[in-house]
Amino acid sequence: MNTNKNQEDEKMAKIINSIEFNDTIKEGVVVVDFFATWCGPCKMLAPVFEELNEELEDVNFVKVDIDQSMDLAQKFRIVSVPTMKIFKDGQEVDTLMGFMPKEAIKSKVEAHL
């Protein structure tokens, strides 16, 4: 019996690094939130991002801290945060910049399902 139930109940978006990135985006629809800990709009987006992570079960939501993974920030030309990139089967299919309302993000993501 699994006594570690809390982790399953709350599916939090995982913060990934450069090493995990390619494996993470290679299959299905993945939304990557490029963020920084010092960024105000990123903090506003965080709860919205977590809600979508819970609602859209067929989508993998992950986060990349641009200060910890500068190589990824450079590779994907992240010039402002938050920037969300949507990947489908390893290919970048959409970019969303700045804070956006939940429904706007959801419709963009669902368009790629």
N, C-alpha and C. Protein backbone atom coordinates (compact mmCIF):
# COMPACT_ATOMS: atom_id res chain seq x y z
N MET A 1 0.84 -1.20 0.00
CA MET A 1 0.00 0.00 0.00
C MET A 1 0.88 1.25 0.00
N ASN A 2 0.49 2.22 -0.80
CA ASN A 2 1.26 3.45 -0.91
C ASN A 2 0.81 4.46 0.15
N THR A 3 1.71 4.79 1.06
CA THR A 3 1.38 5.76 2.10
C THR A 3 1.76 7.18 1.68
N ASN A 4 2.40 7.31 0.55
CA ASN A 4 2.86 8.60 0.07
C ASN A 4 1.80 9.21 -0.86
N LYS A 5 0.59 9.35 -0.38
CA LYS A 5 -0.55 9.70 -1.21
C LYS A 5 -0.56 11.18 -1.65
N ASN A 6 -0.03 12.06 -0.83
CA ASN A 6 -0.09 13.49 -1.15
C ASN A 6 0.53 13.84 -2.49
N GLN A 7 1.61 13.19 -2.84
CA GLN A 7 2.26 13.50 -4.11
C GLN A 7 1.36 13.18 -5.30
N GLU A 8 0.56 12.13 -5.18
CA GLU A 8 -0.33 11.77 -6.28
C GLU A 8 -1.53 12.69 -6.35
N ASP A 9 -2.02 13.14 -5.20
CA ASP A 9 -3.20 14.00 -5.17
C ASP A 9 -2.93 15.34 -5.85
N GLU A 10 -1.76 15.89 -5.61
CA GLU A 10 -1.45 17.19 -6.17
C GLU A 10 -0.34 17.05 -7.19
N LYS A 11 -0.70 17.18 -8.45
CA LYS A 11 0.24 17.04 -9.55
C LYS A 11 0.87 18.41 -9.80
N MET A 12 2.06 18.61 -9.29
CA MET A 12 2.73 19.90 -9.46
C MET A 12 3.58 19.89 -10.74
N ALA A 13 3.67 21.04 -11.39
CA ALA A 13 4.52 21.16 -12.56
C ALA A 13 5.97 21.04 -12.09
N LYS A 14 6.71 20.16 -12.73
CA LYS A 14 8.09 19.88 -12.34
C LYS A 14 9.03 20.93 -12.95
N ILE A 15 10.00 21.35 -12.16
CA ILE A 15 11.04 22.23 -12.70
C ILE A 15 12.12 21.32 -13.26
N ILE A 16 12.39 21.47 -14.55
CA ILE A 16 13.36 20.61 -15.21
C ILE A 16 14.61 21.41 -15.59
N ASN A 17 15.70 20.69 -15.84
CA ASN A 17 16.94 21.34 -16.25
C ASN A 17 17.31 20.91 -17.67
N SER A 18 18.45 21.37 -18.12
CA SER A 18 18.90 21.10 -19.49
C SER A 18 19.05 19.61 -19.77
N ILE A 19 19.47 18.86 -18.77
CA ILE A 19 19.70 17.42 -18.95
C ILE A 19 18.38 16.69 -19.20
N GLU A 20 17.32 17.09 -18.51
CA GLU A 20 16.02 16.43 -18.61
C GLU A 20 15.19 16.92 -19.80
N PHE A 21 15.55 18.07 -20.35
CA PHE A 21 14.68 18.78 -21.29
C PHE A 21 14.27 17.94 -22.50
N ASN A 22 15.24 17.42 -23.24
CA ASN A 22 14.91 16.71 -24.49
C ASN A 22 14.03 15.49 -24.26
N ASP A 23 14.32 14.74 -23.20
CA ASP A 23 13.48 13.57 -22.88
C ASP A 23 12.07 14.00 -22.51
N THR A 24 11.95 15.13 -21.84
CA THR A 24 10.65 15.61 -21.37
C THR A 24 9.76 16.03 -22.52
N ILE A 25 10.33 16.69 -23.55
CA ILE A 25 9.49 17.22 -24.63
C ILE A 25 9.30 16.24 -25.78
N LYS A 26 9.96 15.07 -25.75
CA LYS A 26 9.99 14.24 -26.95
C LYS A 26 8.65 13.60 -27.33
N GLU A 27 7.74 13.38 -26.36
CA GLU A 27 6.47 12.74 -26.70
C GLU A 27 5.28 13.54 -26.19
N GLY A 28 4.24 13.62 -27.03
CA GLY A 28 3.00 14.27 -26.63
C GLY A 28 3.10 15.79 -26.63
N VAL A 29 2.10 16.41 -26.00
CA VAL A 29 2.06 17.88 -25.90
C VAL A 29 2.64 18.28 -24.55
N VAL A 30 3.65 19.15 -24.61
CA VAL A 30 4.33 19.62 -23.40
C VAL A 30 4.35 21.14 -23.42
N VAL A 31 3.95 21.74 -22.30
CA VAL A 31 4.01 23.20 -22.16
C VAL A 31 5.15 23.51 -21.21
N VAL A 32 6.10 24.31 -21.69
CA VAL A 32 7.26 24.68 -20.89
C VAL A 32 7.13 26.15 -20.51
N ASP A 33 7.12 26.41 -19.20
CA ASP A 33 7.07 27.77 -18.69
C ASP A 33 8.50 28.20 -18.36
N PHE A 34 9.05 29.09 -19.18
CA PHE A 34 10.36 29.66 -18.88
C PHE A 34 10.12 30.81 -17.92
N PHE A 35 10.69 30.73 -16.72
CA PHE A 35 10.39 31.71 -15.68
C PHE A 35 11.67 32.09 -14.94
N ALA A 36 11.53 33.10 -14.06
CA ALA A 36 12.62 33.48 -13.15
C ALA A 36 12.00 33.73 -11.78
N THR A 37 12.74 33.39 -10.74
CA THR A 37 12.21 33.53 -9.38
C THR A 37 11.95 34.99 -9.02
N TRP A 38 12.66 35.94 -9.66
CA TRP A 38 12.53 37.36 -9.34
C TRP A 38 11.44 38.06 -10.17
N CYS A 39 10.75 37.32 -11.03
CA CYS A 39 9.82 37.90 -12.00
C CYS A 39 8.40 37.96 -11.45
N GLY A 40 7.84 39.17 -11.32
CA GLY A 40 6.49 39.36 -10.80
C GLY A 40 5.41 38.67 -11.62
N PRO A 41 5.35 38.92 -12.96
CA PRO A 41 4.34 38.24 -13.77
C PRO A 41 4.47 36.71 -13.74
N CYS A 42 5.69 36.20 -13.54
CA CYS A 42 5.90 34.75 -13.42
C CYS A 42 5.18 34.22 -12.18
N LYS A 43 5.26 35.00 -11.11
CA LYS A 43 4.59 34.60 -9.86
C LYS A 43 3.08 34.62 -10.02
N MET A 44 2.58 35.56 -10.83
CA MET A 44 1.14 35.62 -11.11
C MET A 44 0.71 34.43 -11.96
N LEU A 45 1.56 34.02 -12.87
CA LEU A 45 1.24 32.92 -13.78
C LEU A 45 1.28 31.56 -13.07
N ALA A 46 2.13 31.43 -12.06
CA ALA A 46 2.36 30.12 -11.42
C ALA A 46 1.07 29.40 -11.00
N PRO A 47 0.14 30.03 -10.28
CA PRO A 47 -1.07 29.29 -9.90
C PRO A 47 -1.95 28.92 -11.09
N VAL A 48 -1.98 29.76 -12.12
CA VAL A 48 -2.74 29.47 -13.34
C VAL A 48 -2.14 28.25 -14.03
N PHE A 49 -0.81 28.23 -14.12
CA PHE A 49 -0.08 27.13 -14.74
C PHE A 49 -0.37 25.82 -13.99
N GLU A 50 -0.39 25.88 -12.65
CA GLU A 50 -0.67 24.69 -11.85
C GLU A 50 -2.11 24.21 -12.05
N GLU A 51 -3.05 25.14 -12.16
CA GLU A 51 -4.46 24.76 -12.39
C GLU A 51 -4.60 24.03 -13.73
N LEU A 52 -3.95 24.56 -14.76
CA LEU A 52 -4.00 23.92 -16.08
C LEU A 52 -3.33 22.56 -16.03
N ASN A 53 -2.27 22.44 -15.26
CA ASN A 53 -1.58 21.16 -15.10
C ASN A 53 -2.53 20.10 -14.55
N GLU A 54 -3.38 20.51 -13.62
CA GLU A 54 -4.35 19.57 -13.03
C GLU A 54 -5.50 19.27 -13.99
N GLU A 55 -5.94 20.29 -14.74
CA GLU A 55 -7.12 20.13 -15.60
C GLU A 55 -6.84 19.37 -16.88
N LEU A 56 -5.72 19.64 -17.51
CA LEU A 56 -5.41 19.04 -18.81
C LEU A 56 -4.52 17.82 -18.61
N GLU A 57 -5.15 16.68 -18.41
CA GLU A 57 -4.41 15.47 -18.06
C GLU A 57 -3.56 14.92 -19.20
N ASP A 58 -3.90 15.25 -20.45
CA ASP A 58 -3.14 14.74 -21.59
C ASP A 58 -1.94 15.61 -21.93
N VAL A 59 -1.70 16.64 -21.13
CA VAL A 59 -0.63 17.60 -21.39
C VAL A 59 0.36 17.56 -20.23
N ASN A 60 1.65 17.63 -20.55
CA ASN A 60 2.69 17.67 -19.53
C ASN A 60 3.11 19.13 -19.35
N PHE A 61 2.96 19.67 -18.14
CA PHE A 61 3.35 21.04 -17.84
C PHE A 61 4.63 21.01 -17.03
N VAL A 62 5.68 21.68 -17.53
CA VAL A 62 6.96 21.74 -16.82
C VAL A 62 7.46 23.18 -16.82
N LYS A 63 8.41 23.45 -15.93
CA LYS A 63 8.96 24.79 -15.80
C LYS A 63 10.48 24.74 -15.96
N VAL A 64 11.03 25.82 -16.52
CA VAL A 64 12.48 25.96 -16.66
C VAL A 64 12.86 27.31 -16.04
N ASP A 65 13.71 27.26 -15.02
CA ASP A 65 14.23 28.48 -14.39
C ASP A 65 15.36 29.00 -15.28
N ILE A 66 15.14 30.16 -15.90
CA ILE A 66 16.12 30.67 -16.87
C ILE A 66 17.46 31.00 -16.23
N ASP A 67 17.47 31.28 -14.94
CA ASP A 67 18.74 31.57 -14.26
C ASP A 67 19.53 30.29 -13.98
N GLN A 68 18.82 29.16 -13.84
CA GLN A 68 19.49 27.88 -13.60
C GLN A 68 19.83 27.16 -14.90
N SER A 69 19.08 27.45 -15.96
CA SER A 69 19.28 26.77 -17.26
C SER A 69 19.43 27.82 -18.37
N MET A 70 20.50 28.61 -18.26
CA MET A 70 20.73 29.70 -19.22
C MET A 70 20.90 29.19 -20.64
N ASP A 71 21.45 27.98 -20.79
CA ASP A 71 21.64 27.41 -22.12
C ASP A 71 20.29 27.21 -22.84
N LEU A 72 19.28 26.75 -22.10
CA LEU A 72 17.95 26.58 -22.70
C LEU A 72 17.32 27.93 -23.02
N ALA A 73 17.49 28.89 -22.13
CA ALA A 73 16.96 30.24 -22.38
C ALA A 73 17.57 30.82 -23.66
N GLN A 74 18.87 30.60 -23.86
CA GLN A 74 19.53 31.09 -25.07
C GLN A 74 19.07 30.32 -26.30
N LYS A 75 19.02 29.00 -26.17
CA LYS A 75 18.63 28.14 -27.30
C LYS A 75 17.25 28.53 -27.84
N PHE A 76 16.31 28.83 -26.94
CA PHE A 76 14.95 29.15 -27.35
C PHE A 76 14.68 30.65 -27.41
N ARG A 77 15.76 31.44 -27.36
CA ARG A 77 15.70 32.91 -27.50
C ARG A 77 14.68 33.54 -26.56
N ILE A 78 14.77 33.17 -25.28
CA ILE A 78 13.86 33.73 -24.29
C ILE A 78 14.38 35.12 -23.92
N VAL A 79 13.64 36.15 -24.33
CA VAL A 79 14.07 37.53 -24.06
C VAL A 79 13.27 38.18 -22.94
N SER A 80 12.10 37.63 -22.66
CA SER A 80 11.32 38.13 -21.52
C SER A 80 10.61 36.96 -20.87
N VAL A 81 10.36 37.10 -19.58
CA VAL A 81 9.66 36.04 -18.85
C VAL A 81 8.40 36.64 -18.22
N PRO A 82 7.33 35.86 -18.07
CA PRO A 82 7.26 34.46 -18.46
C PRO A 82 7.07 34.29 -19.97
N THR A 83 7.67 33.25 -20.51
CA THR A 83 7.41 32.81 -21.87
C THR A 83 7.08 31.33 -21.80
N MET A 84 5.95 30.95 -22.39
CA MET A 84 5.59 29.54 -22.45
C MET A 84 5.76 29.07 -23.87
N LYS A 85 6.35 27.92 -24.01
CA LYS A 85 6.49 27.31 -25.33
C LYS A 85 5.75 25.98 -25.31
N ILE A 86 5.00 25.74 -26.37
CA ILE A 86 4.26 24.49 -26.50
C ILE A 86 5.01 23.61 -27.49
N PHE A 87 5.28 22.38 -27.07
CA PHE A 87 5.96 21.40 -27.91
C PHE A 87 5.02 20.24 -28.16
N LYS A 88 5.08 19.71 -29.38
CA LYS A 88 4.31 18.50 -29.70
C LYS A 88 5.27 17.50 -30.31
N ASP A 89 5.41 16.36 -29.67
CA ASP A 89 6.32 15.29 -30.11
C ASP A 89 7.72 15.85 -30.43
N GLY A 90 8.21 16.71 -29.54
CA GLY A 90 9.57 17.23 -29.66
C GLY A 90 9.73 18.48 -30.51
N GLN A 91 8.69 18.88 -31.22
CA GLN A 91 8.75 20.06 -32.09
C GLN A 91 8.04 21.24 -31.43
N GLU A 92 8.68 22.41 -31.48
CA GLU A 92 8.05 23.62 -30.96
C GLU A 92 6.91 24.02 -31.90
N VAL A 93 5.70 24.18 -31.34
CA VAL A 93 4.54 24.51 -32.18
C VAL A 93 3.91 25.87 -31.85
N ASP A 94 4.23 26.44 -30.68
CA ASP A 94 3.63 27.72 -30.32
C ASP A 94 4.44 28.39 -29.21
N THR A 95 4.35 29.71 -29.16
CA THR A 95 4.99 30.49 -28.10
C THR A 95 3.98 31.49 -27.55
N LEU A 96 3.89 31.55 -26.22
CA LEU A 96 3.00 32.49 -25.55
C LEU A 96 3.87 33.36 -24.65
N MET A 97 3.80 34.67 -24.83
CA MET A 97 4.66 35.55 -24.05
C MET A 97 3.86 36.37 -23.06
N GLY A 98 4.42 36.53 -21.86
CA GLY A 98 3.80 37.35 -20.83
C GLY A 98 2.69 36.62 -20.10
N PHE A 99 2.14 37.30 -19.10
CA PHE A 99 1.03 36.71 -18.35
C PHE A 99 -0.20 36.68 -19.25
N MET A 100 -0.91 35.56 -19.23
CA MET A 100 -2.15 35.43 -20.01
C MET A 100 -3.22 34.82 -19.12
N PRO A 101 -4.49 35.14 -19.38
CA PRO A 101 -5.57 34.52 -18.61
C PRO A 101 -5.60 33.01 -18.88
N LYS A 102 -6.07 32.28 -17.90
CA LYS A 102 -6.11 30.82 -17.96
C LYS A 102 -6.82 30.30 -19.22
N GLU A 103 -7.98 30.84 -19.54
CA GLU A 103 -8.73 30.34 -20.69
C GLU A 103 -7.97 30.56 -22.01
N ALA A 104 -7.23 31.66 -22.11
CA ALA A 104 -6.46 31.94 -23.32
C ALA A 104 -5.35 30.90 -23.49
N ILE A 105 -4.67 30.58 -22.40
CA ILE A 105 -3.61 29.58 -22.45
C ILE A 105 -4.22 28.22 -22.78
N LYS A 106 -5.32 27.90 -22.12
CA LYS A 106 -5.96 26.60 -22.30
C LYS A 106 -6.37 26.37 -23.75
N SER A 107 -6.95 27.40 -24.39
CA SER A 107 -7.39 27.23 -25.78
C SER A 107 -6.20 27.06 -26.72
N LYS A 108 -5.10 27.77 -26.46
CA LYS A 108 -3.89 27.62 -27.28
C LYS A 108 -3.33 26.20 -27.15
N VAL A 109 -3.30 25.68 -25.92
CA VAL A 109 -2.77 24.34 -25.68
C VAL A 109 -3.68 23.29 -26.31
N GLU A 110 -4.98 23.43 -26.11
CA GLU A 110 -5.93 22.44 -26.64
C GLU A 110 -5.93 22.38 -28.16
N ALA A 111 -5.53 23.45 -28.80
CA ALA A 111 -5.45 23.47 -30.26
C ALA A 111 -4.42 22.47 -30.79
N HIS A 112 -3.50 22.06 -29.92
CA HIS A 112 -2.43 21.14 -30.35
C HIS A 112 -2.66 19.71 -29.90
N LEU A 113 -3.79 19.44 -29.25
CA LEU A 113 -4.09 18.08 -28.80
C LEU A 113 -4.60 17.22 -29.94
